[in-house]
Amino acid sequence: MLKLAIFVGTTLGSYVGWWAGDALGFGFGWAFLMSGIGSMVGVYAGWKVGRKLAE
């Protein structure tokens, strides 16, 4: 369950980061960077949710 939560968090975080960079008109490079940052945030959030569900 933990791996699934991290996978979902990474996917959603990456998408939100890309969307935010594109919506703000930063261009491809910055959208890509924000997608990476969103992925890292998603891993952490997914890990926290997965740990909570495992209890």
C-alpha atoms as a PDB file:
ATOM      1  CA  MET A   1       0.000   0.000   0.000  1.00  0.00           C
ATOM      2  CA  LEU A   2       2.882   2.339   0.760  1.00  0.00           C
ATOM      3  CA  LYS A   3       4.380   1.997  -2.722  1.00  0.00           C
ATOM      4  CA  LEU A   4       1.014   2.658  -4.350  1.00  0.00           C
ATOM      5  CA  ALA A   5       0.492   5.808  -2.257  1.00  0.00           C
ATOM      6  CA  ILE A   6       3.965   7.069  -3.188  1.00  0.00           C
ATOM      7  CA  PHE A   7       3.326   6.321  -6.873  1.00  0.00           C
ATOM      8  CA  VAL A   8       0.022   8.202  -6.848  1.00  0.00           C
ATOM      9  CA  GLY A   9       1.571  11.095  -4.927  1.00  0.00           C
ATOM     10  CA  THR A  10       4.458  11.317  -7.383  1.00  0.00           C
ATOM     11  CA  THR A  11       2.155  11.238 -10.388  1.00  0.00           C
ATOM     12  CA  LEU A  12      -0.216  13.880  -9.028  1.00  0.00           C
ATOM     13  CA  GLY A  13       2.593  16.082  -7.732  1.00  0.00           C
ATOM     14  CA  SER A  14       4.377  15.981 -11.055  1.00  0.00           C
ATOM     15  CA  TYR A  15       1.214  16.841 -12.948  1.00  0.00           C
ATOM     16  CA  VAL A  16       0.330  19.731 -10.635  1.00  0.00           C
ATOM     17  CA  GLY A  17       3.870  21.102 -10.870  1.00  0.00           C
ATOM     18  CA  TRP A  18       3.836  20.951 -14.661  1.00  0.00           C
ATOM     19  CA  TRP A  19       0.363  22.488 -14.816  1.00  0.00           C
ATOM     20  CA  ALA A  20       1.369  25.355 -12.499  1.00  0.00           C
ATOM     21  CA  GLY A  21       4.495  26.121 -14.518  1.00  0.00           C
ATOM     22  CA  ASP A  22       2.566  26.060 -17.766  1.00  0.00           C
ATOM     23  CA  ALA A  23      -0.346  28.091 -16.397  1.00  0.00           C
ATOM     24  CA  LEU A  24       2.018  30.792 -15.184  1.00  0.00           C
ATOM     25  CA  GLY A  25       3.634  30.926 -18.627  1.00  0.00           C
ATOM     26  CA  PHE A  26       7.143  30.047 -17.484  1.00  0.00           C
ATOM     27  CA  GLY A  27       7.996  27.970 -20.556  1.00  0.00           C
ATOM     28  CA  PHE A  28       9.150  24.401 -20.985  1.00  0.00           C
ATOM     29  CA  GLY A  29      12.292  24.542 -18.824  1.00  0.00           C
ATOM     30  CA  TRP A  30      10.628  26.015 -15.775  1.00  0.00           C
ATOM     31  CA  ALA A  31       7.561  23.780 -16.149  1.00  0.00           C
ATOM     32  CA  PHE A  32       9.916  20.788 -16.226  1.00  0.00           C
ATOM     33  CA  LEU A  33      11.701  22.016 -13.095  1.00  0.00           C
ATOM     34  CA  MET A  34       8.434  22.617 -11.278  1.00  0.00           C
ATOM     35  CA  SER A  35       7.291  19.146 -12.302  1.00  0.00           C
ATOM     36  CA  GLY A  36      10.382  17.697 -10.624  1.00  0.00           C
ATOM     37  CA  ILE A  37       9.756  19.680  -7.475  1.00  0.00           C
ATOM     38  CA  GLY A  38       6.123  18.563  -7.526  1.00  0.00           C
ATOM     39  CA  SER A  39       7.300  14.960  -7.811  1.00  0.00           C
ATOM     40  CA  MET A  40       9.472  15.319  -4.715  1.00  0.00           C
ATOM     41  CA  VAL A  41       6.599  16.858  -2.773  1.00  0.00           C
ATOM     42  CA  GLY A  42       4.352  14.059  -4.033  1.00  0.00           C
ATOM     43  CA  VAL A  43       6.759  11.377  -2.814  1.00  0.00           C
ATOM     44  CA  TYR A  44       6.749  12.900   0.661  1.00  0.00           C
ATOM     45  CA  ALA A  45       2.964  13.354   0.721  1.00  0.00           C
ATOM     46  CA  GLY A  46       2.393   9.841  -0.606  1.00  0.00           C
ATOM     47  CA  TRP A  47       4.751   8.412   1.983  1.00  0.00           C
ATOM     48  CA  LYS A  48       2.902  10.215   4.785  1.00  0.00           C
ATOM     49  CA  VAL A  49      -0.495   9.048   3.499  1.00  0.00           C
ATOM     50  CA  GLY A  50       0.754   5.490   3.009  1.00  0.00           C
ATOM     51  CA  ARG A  51       2.116   5.349   6.549  1.00  0.00           C
ATOM     52  CA  LYS A  52      -1.173   6.667   7.905  1.00  0.00           C
ATOM     53  CA  LEU A  53      -3.162   4.057   5.960  1.00  0.00           C
ATOM     54  CA  ALA A  54      -0.897   1.260   7.186  1.00  0.00           C
ATOM     55  CA  GLU A  55      -1.738   1.977  10.819  1.00  0.00           C
END
